[in-house]
Amino acid sequence: MLTDVAAQTGTFLLLAFPALFSIINPLGGAFIFLAATRGMEQSARSRLARQVATFSFITLNVSMLIGAFVLRIFGIEMPVLRLAGGIVIALTAWKLLNAEDDDAERGALVEEASARDASHLAFYPLTMPMTTGPGTIAVAIALGTGGGGAGADNPLVFAVQALVTTTLICLLIYLLYRSSSRISRAIGPTGTNIVARLSAFLLFCIGIQVMWSGIAELVRSLQ
């Protein structure tokens, strides 16, 4: 029994981890996180990284396990979720993309904020939509509604699969976000600025793609 569960969990991990990793992109997100927390001390940034990882863990598991059920309760369809979420992602990325280096806020959402104030932004916008946005939620819901592979029909087994996968993803988010300043020092200020801008641009593209997917599905439903 335990051998079967381990095998099924490994199979699910090979399916779910790359899907979630590619859309979350924690390495690119680390530079956006650094840009958003540039005025903070390392200790405060580490605490905030832990909060973001915790909120991401909760968001991913809720999306996988009961996401589809919650959407049905409120009568929200996936195309609407994608459209609304894509708009939020694109707007957030646009602000970061167009932030001037000498601007007082430095394109940051928590610049010059104390650790206490910054913690209030751990969920929005640093977790949602910058880390686990609607695209990630859509993937997680898909994994929980037929995309879970072997063992998905067993709620207990699927819960184990989801917990293992999300734990690994969120641990990676925490480590990369916490080490964002070290990564930045390794590639230098110019390299950091380039990667941060490219990451913001990719985030903007993801927002447009998510939004376009929602529009396309809504148009098809009208036809």
N, C-alpha and C. Protein backbone atom coordinates (compact mmCIF):
# COMPACT_ATOMS: atom_id res chain seq x y z
N MET A 1 0.83 -1.21 0.00
CA MET A 1 0.00 0.00 0.00
C MET A 1 0.87 1.26 0.00
N LEU A 2 1.83 1.32 0.94
CA LEU A 2 2.70 2.48 1.01
C LEU A 2 3.56 2.61 -0.25
N THR A 3 3.95 1.45 -0.79
CA THR A 3 4.74 1.47 -2.03
C THR A 3 3.94 2.05 -3.17
N ASP A 4 2.65 1.68 -3.25
CA ASP A 4 1.78 2.20 -4.31
C ASP A 4 1.59 3.70 -4.16
N VAL A 5 1.37 4.15 -2.92
CA VAL A 5 1.19 5.58 -2.67
C VAL A 5 2.45 6.34 -3.06
N ALA A 6 3.62 5.80 -2.70
CA ALA A 6 4.88 6.46 -3.05
C ALA A 6 5.07 6.53 -4.56
N ALA A 7 4.71 5.45 -5.24
CA ALA A 7 4.85 5.43 -6.70
C ALA A 7 3.91 6.43 -7.36
N GLN A 8 2.66 6.46 -6.87
CA GLN A 8 1.68 7.40 -7.42
C GLN A 8 2.08 8.84 -7.13
N THR A 9 2.63 9.08 -5.93
CA THR A 9 3.07 10.42 -5.58
C THR A 9 4.23 10.86 -6.47
N GLY A 10 5.16 9.94 -6.75
CA GLY A 10 6.27 10.26 -7.64
C GLY A 10 5.80 10.57 -9.04
N THR A 11 4.82 9.80 -9.53
CA THR A 11 4.26 10.06 -10.86
C THR A 11 3.59 11.41 -10.92
N PHE A 12 2.81 11.74 -9.89
CA PHE A 12 2.14 13.03 -9.85
C PHE A 12 3.14 14.17 -9.75
N LEU A 13 4.19 13.95 -8.97
CA LEU A 13 5.21 14.98 -8.81
C LEU A 13 5.88 15.32 -10.14
N LEU A 14 6.14 14.29 -10.95
CA LEU A 14 6.75 14.50 -12.26
C LEU A 14 5.83 15.28 -13.19
N LEU A 15 4.52 15.18 -12.97
CA LEU A 15 3.55 15.92 -13.78
C LEU A 15 3.33 17.32 -13.24
N ALA A 16 3.10 17.43 -11.94
CA ALA A 16 2.66 18.70 -11.35
C ALA A 16 3.80 19.67 -11.11
N PHE A 17 4.96 19.17 -10.67
CA PHE A 17 6.05 20.09 -10.32
C PHE A 17 6.52 20.93 -11.52
N PRO A 18 6.80 20.30 -12.68
CA PRO A 18 7.22 21.14 -13.82
C PRO A 18 6.13 22.12 -14.26
N ALA A 19 4.86 21.69 -14.19
CA ALA A 19 3.77 22.58 -14.60
C ALA A 19 3.70 23.80 -13.70
N LEU A 20 3.78 23.59 -12.38
CA LEU A 20 3.71 24.72 -11.45
C LEU A 20 4.99 25.55 -11.46
N PHE A 21 6.14 24.88 -11.59
CA PHE A 21 7.41 25.60 -11.59
C PHE A 21 7.50 26.54 -12.79
N SER A 22 7.06 26.06 -13.95
CA SER A 22 7.20 26.87 -15.16
C SER A 22 6.34 28.13 -15.11
N ILE A 23 5.17 28.05 -14.49
CA ILE A 23 4.29 29.22 -14.46
C ILE A 23 4.60 30.12 -13.26
N ILE A 24 5.07 29.56 -12.14
CA ILE A 24 5.45 30.38 -10.99
C ILE A 24 6.79 31.06 -11.25
N ASN A 25 7.73 30.32 -11.84
CA ASN A 25 9.07 30.84 -12.15
C ASN A 25 9.68 31.53 -10.93
N PRO A 26 9.98 30.77 -9.88
CA PRO A 26 10.47 31.39 -8.64
C PRO A 26 11.81 32.11 -8.80
N LEU A 27 12.63 31.71 -9.77
CA LEU A 27 13.90 32.41 -9.96
C LEU A 27 13.66 33.81 -10.51
N GLY A 28 12.83 33.93 -11.53
CA GLY A 28 12.47 35.25 -12.03
C GLY A 28 11.71 36.05 -10.99
N GLY A 29 10.85 35.37 -10.24
CA GLY A 29 10.09 36.04 -9.19
C GLY A 29 10.97 36.59 -8.09
N ALA A 30 12.13 35.96 -7.87
CA ALA A 30 13.04 36.42 -6.83
C ALA A 30 13.54 37.83 -7.12
N PHE A 31 13.79 38.14 -8.39
CA PHE A 31 14.26 39.47 -8.75
C PHE A 31 13.14 40.51 -8.63
N ILE A 32 11.92 40.10 -8.96
CA ILE A 32 10.79 41.00 -8.76
C ILE A 32 10.57 41.24 -7.27
N PHE A 33 10.70 40.17 -6.48
CA PHE A 33 10.59 40.29 -5.03
C PHE A 33 11.66 41.23 -4.48
N LEU A 34 12.88 41.11 -5.00
CA LEU A 34 13.97 41.98 -4.54
C LEU A 34 13.68 43.44 -4.91
N ALA A 35 13.18 43.67 -6.12
CA ALA A 35 12.84 45.03 -6.53
C ALA A 35 11.74 45.61 -5.66
N ALA A 36 10.82 44.77 -5.24
CA ALA A 36 9.70 45.23 -4.42
C ALA A 36 10.08 45.42 -2.96
N THR A 37 11.24 44.90 -2.55
CA THR A 37 11.66 45.01 -1.14
C THR A 37 13.03 45.64 -1.03
N ARG A 38 13.41 46.46 -1.98
CA ARG A 38 14.76 47.01 -2.05
C ARG A 38 15.09 47.89 -0.84
N GLY A 39 14.11 48.50 -0.22
CA GLY A 39 14.38 49.37 0.91
C GLY A 39 14.37 48.67 2.25
N MET A 40 14.29 47.34 2.26
CA MET A 40 14.18 46.61 3.51
C MET A 40 15.50 45.98 3.91
N GLU A 41 15.68 45.72 5.20
CA GLU A 41 16.82 44.98 5.69
C GLU A 41 16.66 43.50 5.37
N GLN A 42 17.77 42.76 5.41
CA GLN A 42 17.75 41.36 5.04
C GLN A 42 16.86 40.55 5.99
N SER A 43 16.88 40.87 7.27
CA SER A 43 16.06 40.12 8.23
C SER A 43 14.57 40.29 7.92
N ALA A 44 14.17 41.51 7.58
CA ALA A 44 12.77 41.76 7.24
C ALA A 44 12.42 41.08 5.92
N ARG A 45 13.36 41.09 4.98
CA ARG A 45 13.11 40.44 3.69
C ARG A 45 12.95 38.93 3.88
N SER A 46 13.75 38.36 4.78
CA SER A 46 13.65 36.92 5.04
C SER A 46 12.30 36.56 5.65
N ARG A 47 11.82 37.39 6.59
CA ARG A 47 10.51 37.14 7.18
C ARG A 47 9.41 37.24 6.12
N LEU A 48 9.54 38.24 5.26
CA LEU A 48 8.54 38.42 4.22
C LEU A 48 8.57 37.26 3.23
N ALA A 49 9.76 36.75 2.91
CA ALA A 49 9.88 35.60 2.02
C ALA A 49 9.20 34.38 2.63
N ARG A 50 9.35 34.21 3.95
CA ARG A 50 8.70 33.09 4.62
C ARG A 50 7.18 33.24 4.57
N GLN A 51 6.68 34.46 4.74
CA GLN A 51 5.25 34.69 4.68
C GLN A 51 4.71 34.43 3.29
N VAL A 52 5.44 34.89 2.27
CA VAL A 52 5.00 34.66 0.89
C VAL A 52 4.97 33.17 0.58
N ALA A 53 5.99 32.43 1.02
CA ALA A 53 6.01 30.99 0.80
C ALA A 53 4.86 30.30 1.52
N THR A 54 4.55 30.76 2.73
CA THR A 54 3.43 30.18 3.49
C THR A 54 2.10 30.44 2.80
N PHE A 55 1.88 31.69 2.38
CA PHE A 55 0.65 32.02 1.68
C PHE A 55 0.55 31.27 0.35
N SER A 56 1.68 31.09 -0.32
CA SER A 56 1.68 30.35 -1.58
C SER A 56 1.31 28.89 -1.34
N PHE A 57 1.83 28.33 -0.25
CA PHE A 57 1.51 26.95 0.10
C PHE A 57 0.00 26.79 0.33
N ILE A 58 -0.57 27.72 1.07
CA ILE A 58 -2.01 27.66 1.35
C ILE A 58 -2.81 27.83 0.06
N THR A 59 -2.42 28.81 -0.76
CA THR A 59 -3.15 29.07 -2.00
C THR A 59 -3.12 27.88 -2.94
N LEU A 60 -1.96 27.26 -3.10
CA LEU A 60 -1.83 26.12 -4.00
C LEU A 60 -2.65 24.93 -3.53
N ASN A 61 -2.60 24.65 -2.22
CA ASN A 61 -3.33 23.49 -1.71
C ASN A 61 -4.84 23.71 -1.75
N VAL A 62 -5.28 24.92 -1.41
CA VAL A 62 -6.71 25.21 -1.49
C VAL A 62 -7.19 25.10 -2.94
N SER A 63 -6.38 25.61 -3.87
CA SER A 63 -6.75 25.55 -5.29
C SER A 63 -6.83 24.11 -5.78
N MET A 64 -5.86 23.29 -5.39
CA MET A 64 -5.85 21.90 -5.83
C MET A 64 -6.98 21.09 -5.23
N LEU A 65 -7.20 21.27 -3.94
CA LEU A 65 -8.11 20.38 -3.22
C LEU A 65 -9.57 20.81 -3.31
N ILE A 66 -9.85 22.11 -3.21
CA ILE A 66 -11.25 22.55 -3.20
C ILE A 66 -11.52 23.71 -4.15
N GLY A 67 -10.55 24.02 -5.01
CA GLY A 67 -10.70 25.18 -5.88
C GLY A 67 -11.91 25.10 -6.78
N ALA A 68 -12.08 23.97 -7.46
CA ALA A 68 -13.20 23.82 -8.38
C ALA A 68 -14.54 23.90 -7.64
N PHE A 69 -14.59 23.35 -6.43
CA PHE A 69 -15.82 23.39 -5.64
C PHE A 69 -16.18 24.82 -5.26
N VAL A 70 -15.16 25.62 -4.85
CA VAL A 70 -15.39 27.01 -4.47
C VAL A 70 -15.90 27.82 -5.66
N LEU A 71 -15.30 27.60 -6.83
CA LEU A 71 -15.75 28.33 -8.02
C LEU A 71 -17.20 28.01 -8.35
N ARG A 72 -17.59 26.74 -8.19
CA ARG A 72 -18.98 26.36 -8.46
C ARG A 72 -19.94 27.03 -7.49
N ILE A 73 -19.54 27.17 -6.23
CA ILE A 73 -20.40 27.80 -5.23
C ILE A 73 -20.73 29.23 -5.62
N PHE A 74 -19.72 29.98 -6.06
CA PHE A 74 -19.92 31.38 -6.41
C PHE A 74 -20.31 31.58 -7.87
N GLY A 75 -20.43 30.50 -8.60
CA GLY A 75 -20.83 30.60 -9.99
C GLY A 75 -19.79 31.25 -10.88
N ILE A 76 -18.51 31.12 -10.52
CA ILE A 76 -17.43 31.70 -11.29
C ILE A 76 -16.86 30.65 -12.23
N GLU A 77 -16.79 30.98 -13.50
CA GLU A 77 -16.23 30.07 -14.47
C GLU A 77 -14.75 30.36 -14.68
N MET A 78 -14.02 29.35 -15.12
CA MET A 78 -12.58 29.49 -15.30
C MET A 78 -12.19 30.62 -16.26
N PRO A 79 -12.91 30.81 -17.39
CA PRO A 79 -12.55 31.93 -18.28
C PRO A 79 -12.61 33.28 -17.58
N VAL A 80 -13.60 33.47 -16.71
CA VAL A 80 -13.72 34.73 -15.98
C VAL A 80 -12.56 34.90 -15.02
N LEU A 81 -12.17 33.82 -14.34
CA LEU A 81 -11.02 33.86 -13.43
C LEU A 81 -9.75 34.23 -14.19
N ARG A 82 -9.57 33.63 -15.36
CA ARG A 82 -8.38 33.93 -16.15
C ARG A 82 -8.38 35.38 -16.62
N LEU A 83 -9.51 35.87 -17.06
CA LEU A 83 -9.59 37.24 -17.57
C LEU A 83 -9.29 38.25 -16.46
N ALA A 84 -9.96 38.10 -15.32
CA ALA A 84 -9.75 39.03 -14.21
C ALA A 84 -8.33 38.94 -13.68
N GLY A 85 -7.84 37.73 -13.53
CA GLY A 85 -6.49 37.54 -13.02
C GLY A 85 -5.44 38.06 -13.98
N GLY A 86 -5.66 37.86 -15.27
CA GLY A 86 -4.71 38.35 -16.26
C GLY A 86 -4.59 39.86 -16.22
N ILE A 87 -5.70 40.55 -16.00
CA ILE A 87 -5.67 42.01 -15.90
C ILE A 87 -4.84 42.45 -14.70
N VAL A 88 -5.05 41.78 -13.55
CA VAL A 88 -4.31 42.14 -12.33
C VAL A 88 -2.81 41.89 -12.52
N ILE A 89 -2.45 40.75 -13.12
CA ILE A 89 -1.03 40.44 -13.35
C ILE A 89 -0.40 41.47 -14.27
N ALA A 90 -1.09 41.79 -15.37
CA ALA A 90 -0.54 42.73 -16.35
C ALA A 90 -0.34 44.12 -15.74
N LEU A 91 -1.29 44.57 -14.95
CA LEU A 91 -1.16 45.89 -14.33
C LEU A 91 -0.02 45.94 -13.33
N THR A 92 0.12 44.87 -12.54
CA THR A 92 1.22 44.81 -11.57
C THR A 92 2.57 44.81 -12.28
N ALA A 93 2.68 43.99 -13.33
CA ALA A 93 3.94 43.92 -14.08
C ALA A 93 4.24 45.23 -14.79
N TRP A 94 3.20 45.91 -15.28
CA TRP A 94 3.41 47.17 -15.98
C TRP A 94 4.02 48.23 -15.06
N LYS A 95 3.56 48.27 -13.81
CA LYS A 95 4.12 49.22 -12.85
C LYS A 95 5.59 48.94 -12.59
N LEU A 96 5.94 47.66 -12.44
CA LEU A 96 7.34 47.30 -12.21
C LEU A 96 8.19 47.56 -13.46
N LEU A 97 7.62 47.30 -14.62
CA LEU A 97 8.36 47.45 -15.87
C LEU A 97 8.70 48.90 -16.15
N ASN A 98 7.81 49.82 -15.79
CA ASN A 98 7.99 51.23 -16.10
C ASN A 98 8.53 52.04 -14.95
N ALA A 99 8.92 51.39 -13.86
CA ALA A 99 9.47 52.11 -12.71
C ALA A 99 10.85 52.65 -13.07
N GLU A 100 11.09 53.92 -12.75
CA GLU A 100 12.39 54.53 -13.00
C GLU A 100 13.35 54.21 -11.86
N ASP A 101 14.63 54.05 -12.18
CA ASP A 101 15.63 53.72 -11.16
C ASP A 101 15.75 54.80 -10.10
N ASP A 102 15.53 56.08 -10.49
CA ASP A 102 15.68 57.15 -9.53
C ASP A 102 14.35 57.58 -8.92
N ASP A 103 13.32 56.81 -9.21
CA ASP A 103 12.01 57.10 -8.64
C ASP A 103 12.03 56.81 -7.15
N ALA A 104 11.27 57.56 -6.37
CA ALA A 104 11.28 57.39 -4.91
C ALA A 104 10.84 55.99 -4.51
N GLU A 105 9.92 55.43 -5.29
CA GLU A 105 9.43 54.11 -4.94
C GLU A 105 10.27 53.02 -5.57
N ARG A 106 11.10 53.36 -6.55
CA ARG A 106 11.95 52.41 -7.25
C ARG A 106 11.14 51.26 -7.83
N GLY A 107 9.94 51.58 -8.27
CA GLY A 107 9.10 50.54 -8.84
C GLY A 107 8.66 49.53 -7.82
N ALA A 108 8.84 49.84 -6.53
CA ALA A 108 8.57 48.86 -5.50
C ALA A 108 7.20 49.07 -4.90
N LEU A 109 6.64 47.97 -4.46
CA LEU A 109 5.32 48.01 -3.84
C LEU A 109 5.43 48.15 -2.33
N VAL A 110 6.62 47.88 -1.79
CA VAL A 110 6.81 47.99 -0.34
C VAL A 110 8.06 48.79 -0.02
N GLU A 111 8.53 49.62 -0.94
CA GLU A 111 9.73 50.43 -0.72
C GLU A 111 9.51 51.38 0.46
N GLU A 112 10.54 51.54 1.27
CA GLU A 112 10.54 52.46 2.41
C GLU A 112 9.53 52.07 3.49
N ALA A 113 8.96 50.89 3.39
CA ALA A 113 7.98 50.46 4.40
C ALA A 113 8.72 49.74 5.52
N SER A 114 8.19 49.85 6.70
CA SER A 114 8.76 49.12 7.82
C SER A 114 8.41 47.65 7.67
N ALA A 115 9.08 46.80 8.46
CA ALA A 115 8.81 45.36 8.38
C ALA A 115 7.36 45.07 8.72
N ARG A 116 6.81 45.84 9.67
CA ARG A 116 5.41 45.61 10.05
C ARG A 116 4.47 45.98 8.92
N ASP A 117 4.71 47.11 8.28
CA ASP A 117 3.86 47.53 7.18
C ASP A 117 4.00 46.61 5.98
N ALA A 118 5.26 46.20 5.68
CA ALA A 118 5.50 45.34 4.53
C ALA A 118 4.81 43.99 4.68
N SER A 119 4.71 43.49 5.91
CA SER A 119 4.07 42.20 6.12
C SER A 119 2.61 42.22 5.69
N HIS A 120 2.01 43.43 5.70
CA HIS A 120 0.62 43.53 5.27
C HIS A 120 0.49 43.29 3.77
N LEU A 121 1.60 43.41 3.03
CA LEU A 121 1.58 43.20 1.60
C LEU A 121 2.06 41.81 1.21
N ALA A 122 2.28 40.94 2.19
CA ALA A 122 2.80 39.62 1.90
C ALA A 122 1.84 38.82 1.02
N PHE A 123 0.54 38.94 1.29
CA PHE A 123 -0.41 38.20 0.46
C PHE A 123 -0.69 38.94 -0.84
N TYR A 124 -1.10 40.20 -0.73
CA TYR A 124 -1.32 41.01 -1.93
C TYR A 124 -0.40 42.21 -1.90
N PRO A 125 0.43 42.41 -2.89
CA PRO A 125 0.48 41.70 -4.17
C PRO A 125 1.62 40.69 -4.29
N LEU A 126 2.42 40.47 -3.23
CA LEU A 126 3.61 39.64 -3.38
C LEU A 126 3.27 38.16 -3.60
N THR A 127 2.22 37.67 -2.92
CA THR A 127 1.80 36.29 -3.17
C THR A 127 0.81 36.24 -4.32
N MET A 128 -0.23 37.02 -4.19
CA MET A 128 -1.27 37.07 -5.22
C MET A 128 -1.35 38.49 -5.76
N PRO A 129 -1.00 38.77 -7.00
CA PRO A 129 -0.83 37.80 -8.10
C PRO A 129 0.62 37.56 -8.51
N MET A 130 1.62 38.14 -7.81
CA MET A 130 2.99 38.10 -8.31
C MET A 130 3.61 36.71 -8.25
N THR A 131 3.28 35.91 -7.24
CA THR A 131 3.89 34.59 -7.11
C THR A 131 2.92 33.49 -7.54
N THR A 132 1.80 33.40 -6.90
CA THR A 132 0.79 32.40 -7.27
C THR A 132 -0.45 33.13 -7.77
N GLY A 133 -0.39 33.57 -9.00
CA GLY A 133 -1.48 34.32 -9.60
C GLY A 133 -2.56 33.41 -10.17
N PRO A 134 -3.48 33.99 -10.91
CA PRO A 134 -4.60 33.22 -11.46
C PRO A 134 -4.17 32.13 -12.43
N GLY A 135 -3.05 32.35 -13.15
CA GLY A 135 -2.55 31.31 -14.02
C GLY A 135 -2.14 30.08 -13.22
N THR A 136 -1.44 30.32 -12.12
CA THR A 136 -1.04 29.22 -11.23
C THR A 136 -2.25 28.55 -10.62
N ILE A 137 -3.23 29.35 -10.20
CA ILE A 137 -4.44 28.80 -9.60
C ILE A 137 -5.19 27.94 -10.62
N ALA A 138 -5.24 28.41 -11.87
CA ALA A 138 -5.92 27.64 -12.91
C ALA A 138 -5.24 26.30 -13.13
N VAL A 139 -3.89 26.30 -13.14
CA VAL A 139 -3.16 25.05 -13.30
C VAL A 139 -3.41 24.12 -12.11
N ALA A 140 -3.39 24.69 -10.90
CA ALA A 140 -3.61 23.88 -9.70
C ALA A 140 -5.02 23.28 -9.69
N ILE A 141 -6.01 24.07 -10.09
CA ILE A 141 -7.38 23.55 -10.15
C ILE A 141 -7.48 22.44 -11.19
N ALA A 142 -6.81 22.64 -12.33
CA ALA A 142 -6.81 21.60 -13.37
C ALA A 142 -6.19 20.31 -12.86
N LEU A 143 -5.11 20.43 -12.10
CA LEU A 143 -4.48 19.24 -11.51
C LEU A 143 -5.40 18.55 -10.52
N GLY A 144 -6.25 19.32 -9.88
CA GLY A 144 -7.16 18.76 -8.89
C GLY A 144 -8.48 18.27 -9.45
N THR A 145 -8.72 18.52 -10.74
CA THR A 145 -10.00 18.12 -11.35
C THR A 145 -9.76 17.30 -12.61
N GLY A 146 -9.07 16.19 -12.42
CA GLY A 146 -8.89 15.28 -13.54
C GLY A 146 -7.47 15.23 -14.06
N GLY A 147 -6.64 16.20 -13.67
CA GLY A 147 -5.27 16.18 -14.16
C GLY A 147 -4.31 15.59 -13.16
N GLY A 148 -4.83 14.99 -12.11
CA GLY A 148 -3.95 14.51 -11.06
C GLY A 148 -3.26 13.21 -11.34
N GLY A 149 -3.69 12.51 -12.38
CA GLY A 149 -3.04 11.26 -12.72
C GLY A 149 -3.42 10.15 -11.74
N ALA A 150 -2.52 9.19 -11.60
CA ALA A 150 -2.78 8.04 -10.76
C ALA A 150 -3.03 8.45 -9.31
N GLY A 151 -4.09 7.88 -8.74
CA GLY A 151 -4.41 8.17 -7.35
C GLY A 151 -5.30 9.37 -7.16
N ALA A 152 -5.63 10.08 -8.25
CA ALA A 152 -6.44 11.28 -8.11
C ALA A 152 -7.86 10.97 -7.66
N ASP A 153 -8.31 9.73 -7.88
CA ASP A 153 -9.66 9.36 -7.47
C ASP A 153 -9.73 9.03 -5.98
N ASN A 154 -8.61 8.94 -5.31
CA ASN A 154 -8.55 8.69 -3.88
C ASN A 154 -8.20 10.00 -3.18
N PRO A 155 -9.17 10.61 -2.45
CA PRO A 155 -8.91 11.93 -1.84
C PRO A 155 -7.70 11.95 -0.92
N LEU A 156 -7.50 10.89 -0.15
CA LEU A 156 -6.38 10.86 0.78
C LEU A 156 -5.05 10.80 0.05
N VAL A 157 -4.97 9.94 -0.96
CA VAL A 157 -3.74 9.82 -1.75
C VAL A 157 -3.47 11.12 -2.48
N PHE A 158 -4.51 11.72 -3.06
CA PHE A 158 -4.30 12.97 -3.77
C PHE A 158 -3.86 14.08 -2.83
N ALA A 159 -4.39 14.09 -1.60
CA ALA A 159 -3.96 15.09 -0.62
C ALA A 159 -2.47 14.96 -0.33
N VAL A 160 -1.98 13.72 -0.21
CA VAL A 160 -0.55 13.49 0.01
C VAL A 160 0.24 13.99 -1.19
N GLN A 161 -0.23 13.68 -2.40
CA GLN A 161 0.45 14.13 -3.61
C GLN A 161 0.54 15.66 -3.67
N ALA A 162 -0.59 16.31 -3.36
CA ALA A 162 -0.63 17.78 -3.40
C ALA A 162 0.30 18.38 -2.37
N LEU A 163 0.31 17.82 -1.15
CA LEU A 163 1.16 18.36 -0.09
C LEU A 163 2.64 18.22 -0.41
N VAL A 164 3.02 17.08 -0.95
CA VAL A 164 4.44 16.88 -1.31
C VAL A 164 4.85 17.86 -2.39
N THR A 165 4.02 18.00 -3.42
CA THR A 165 4.36 18.88 -4.54
C THR A 165 4.44 20.33 -4.11
N THR A 166 3.43 20.80 -3.39
CA THR A 166 3.40 22.20 -2.98
C THR A 166 4.48 22.52 -1.95
N THR A 167 4.83 21.56 -1.12
CA THR A 167 5.91 21.78 -0.15
C THR A 167 7.23 22.03 -0.86
N LEU A 168 7.52 21.23 -1.88
CA LEU A 168 8.76 21.41 -2.62
C LEU A 168 8.78 22.74 -3.37
N ILE A 169 7.66 23.08 -4.00
CA ILE A 169 7.58 24.35 -4.74
C ILE A 169 7.77 25.53 -3.80
N CYS A 170 7.07 25.52 -2.67
CA CYS A 170 7.10 26.66 -1.74
C CYS A 170 8.43 26.74 -1.01
N LEU A 171 9.08 25.62 -0.77
CA LEU A 171 10.42 25.64 -0.19
C LEU A 171 11.39 26.32 -1.16
N LEU A 172 11.23 26.03 -2.43
CA LEU A 172 12.06 26.67 -3.45
C LEU A 172 11.78 28.17 -3.52
N ILE A 173 10.51 28.55 -3.43
CA ILE A 173 10.15 29.97 -3.42
C ILE A 173 10.82 30.67 -2.24
N TYR A 174 10.74 30.07 -1.08
CA TYR A 174 11.33 30.68 0.12
C TYR A 174 12.83 30.84 -0.01
N LEU A 175 13.52 29.80 -0.45
CA LEU A 175 14.97 29.85 -0.54
C LEU A 175 15.43 30.88 -1.57
N LEU A 176 14.78 30.93 -2.72
CA LEU A 176 15.19 31.87 -3.76
C LEU A 176 14.83 33.30 -3.38
N TYR A 177 13.65 33.51 -2.81
CA TYR A 177 13.27 34.87 -2.40
C TYR A 177 14.16 35.36 -1.26
N ARG A 178 14.44 34.48 -0.31
CA ARG A 178 15.30 34.86 0.81
C ARG A 178 16.71 35.19 0.33
N SER A 179 17.18 34.48 -0.69
CA SER A 179 18.54 34.67 -1.20
C SER A 179 18.60 35.65 -2.36
N SER A 180 17.52 36.38 -2.61
CA SER A 180 17.47 37.26 -3.78
C SER A 180 18.58 38.31 -3.75
N SER A 181 18.90 38.84 -2.57
CA SER A 181 19.96 39.85 -2.50
C SER A 181 21.33 39.24 -2.80
N ARG A 182 21.57 38.00 -2.36
CA ARG A 182 22.84 37.34 -2.66
C ARG A 182 22.95 37.06 -4.16
N ILE A 183 21.86 36.61 -4.75
CA ILE A 183 21.86 36.38 -6.20
C ILE A 183 22.13 37.67 -6.94
N SER A 184 21.53 38.76 -6.43
CA SER A 184 21.73 40.07 -7.05
C SER A 184 23.19 40.50 -6.97
N ARG A 185 23.82 40.30 -5.81
CA ARG A 185 25.22 40.68 -5.67
C ARG A 185 26.11 39.85 -6.58
N ALA A 186 25.72 38.59 -6.81
CA ALA A 186 26.53 37.71 -7.65
C ALA A 186 26.55 38.17 -9.10
N ILE A 187 25.46 38.74 -9.58
CA ILE A 187 25.41 39.15 -10.99
C ILE A 187 25.59 40.66 -11.15
N GLY A 188 25.66 41.40 -10.02
CA GLY A 188 25.93 42.82 -10.09
C GLY A 188 24.67 43.66 -10.30
N PRO A 189 24.77 44.98 -10.05
CA PRO A 189 23.59 45.86 -10.15
C PRO A 189 23.03 45.95 -11.56
N THR A 190 23.93 45.99 -12.56
CA THR A 190 23.44 46.07 -13.94
C THR A 190 22.71 44.79 -14.33
N GLY A 191 23.31 43.65 -14.00
CA GLY A 191 22.66 42.38 -14.30
C GLY A 191 21.34 42.23 -13.57
N THR A 192 21.29 42.69 -12.31
CA THR A 192 20.05 42.62 -11.54
C THR A 192 18.96 43.45 -12.18
N ASN A 193 19.32 44.66 -12.62
CA ASN A 193 18.34 45.53 -13.24
C ASN A 193 17.82 44.91 -14.54
N ILE A 194 18.73 44.31 -15.31
CA ILE A 194 18.31 43.69 -16.57
C ILE A 194 17.37 42.51 -16.31
N VAL A 195 17.77 41.64 -15.37
CA VAL A 195 16.95 40.46 -15.08
C VAL A 195 15.60 40.88 -14.49
N ALA A 196 15.61 41.90 -13.61
CA ALA A 196 14.37 42.36 -13.01
C ALA A 196 13.41 42.89 -14.07
N ARG A 197 13.95 43.67 -15.02
CA ARG A 197 13.11 44.21 -16.09
C ARG A 197 12.60 43.10 -17.01
N LEU A 198 13.48 42.15 -17.34
CA LEU A 198 13.04 41.03 -18.17
C LEU A 198 11.98 40.19 -17.46
N SER A 199 12.18 39.98 -16.15
CA SER A 199 11.20 39.21 -15.38
C SER A 199 9.86 39.93 -15.33
N ALA A 200 9.91 41.27 -15.16
CA ALA A 200 8.67 42.04 -15.16
C ALA A 200 7.98 41.96 -16.52
N PHE A 201 8.79 42.00 -17.60
CA PHE A 201 8.21 41.91 -18.94
C PHE A 201 7.58 40.53 -19.16
N LEU A 202 8.27 39.48 -18.72
CA LEU A 202 7.70 38.14 -18.85
C LEU A 202 6.43 38.01 -18.03
N LEU A 203 6.41 38.62 -16.84
CA LEU A 203 5.21 38.60 -16.02
C LEU A 203 4.07 39.33 -16.73
N PHE A 204 4.40 40.44 -17.40
CA PHE A 204 3.40 41.18 -18.17
C PHE A 204 2.86 40.31 -19.31
N CYS A 205 3.76 39.60 -20.00
CA CYS A 205 3.34 38.71 -21.09
C CYS A 205 2.45 37.58 -20.56
N ILE A 206 2.81 37.06 -19.40
CA ILE A 206 1.98 36.01 -18.80
C ILE A 206 0.59 36.55 -18.50
N GLY A 207 0.54 37.79 -17.97
CA GLY A 207 -0.76 38.39 -17.68
C GLY A 207 -1.61 38.55 -18.93
N ILE A 208 -0.99 39.02 -20.04
CA ILE A 208 -1.71 39.16 -21.30
C ILE A 208 -2.17 37.81 -21.82
N GLN A 209 -1.29 36.78 -21.71
CA GLN A 209 -1.65 35.45 -22.18
C GLN A 209 -2.81 34.87 -21.38
N VAL A 210 -2.76 35.03 -20.05
CA VAL A 210 -3.84 34.54 -19.20
C VAL A 210 -5.14 35.26 -19.54
N MET A 211 -5.05 36.58 -19.73
CA MET A 211 -6.22 37.37 -20.07
C MET A 211 -6.78 36.96 -21.44
N TRP A 212 -5.89 36.75 -22.40
CA TRP A 212 -6.33 36.36 -23.74
C TRP A 212 -6.99 34.98 -23.73
N SER A 213 -6.46 34.07 -22.92
CA SER A 213 -7.07 32.74 -22.81
C SER A 213 -8.49 32.84 -22.29
N GLY A 214 -8.69 33.71 -21.30
CA GLY A 214 -10.03 33.91 -20.77
C GLY A 214 -10.97 34.51 -21.80
N ILE A 215 -10.48 35.51 -22.56
CA ILE A 215 -11.31 36.13 -23.60
C ILE A 215 -11.68 35.11 -24.67
N ALA A 216 -10.69 34.31 -25.11
CA ALA A 216 -10.94 33.33 -26.16
C ALA A 216 -11.99 32.31 -25.72
N GLU A 217 -11.92 31.87 -24.47
CA GLU A 217 -12.89 30.90 -23.98
C GLU A 217 -14.28 31.52 -23.86
N LEU A 218 -14.35 32.78 -23.44
CA LEU A 218 -15.64 33.46 -23.34
C LEU A 218 -16.26 33.64 -24.72
N VAL A 219 -15.44 33.99 -25.71
CA VAL A 219 -15.95 34.15 -27.08
C VAL A 219 -16.47 32.82 -27.62
N ARG A 220 -15.71 31.75 -27.39
CA ARG A 220 -16.17 30.43 -27.84
C ARG A 220 -17.47 30.02 -27.18
N SER A 221 -17.64 30.39 -25.91
CA SER A 221 -18.89 30.03 -25.22
C SER A 221 -20.09 30.78 -25.80
N LEU A 222 -19.86 32.01 -26.31
CA LEU A 222 -20.95 32.75 -26.93
C LEU A 222 -21.36 32.15 -28.27
N GLN A 223 -20.39 31.57 -28.97
CA GLN A 223 -20.68 30.97 -30.26
C GLN A 223 -21.37 29.63 -30.12
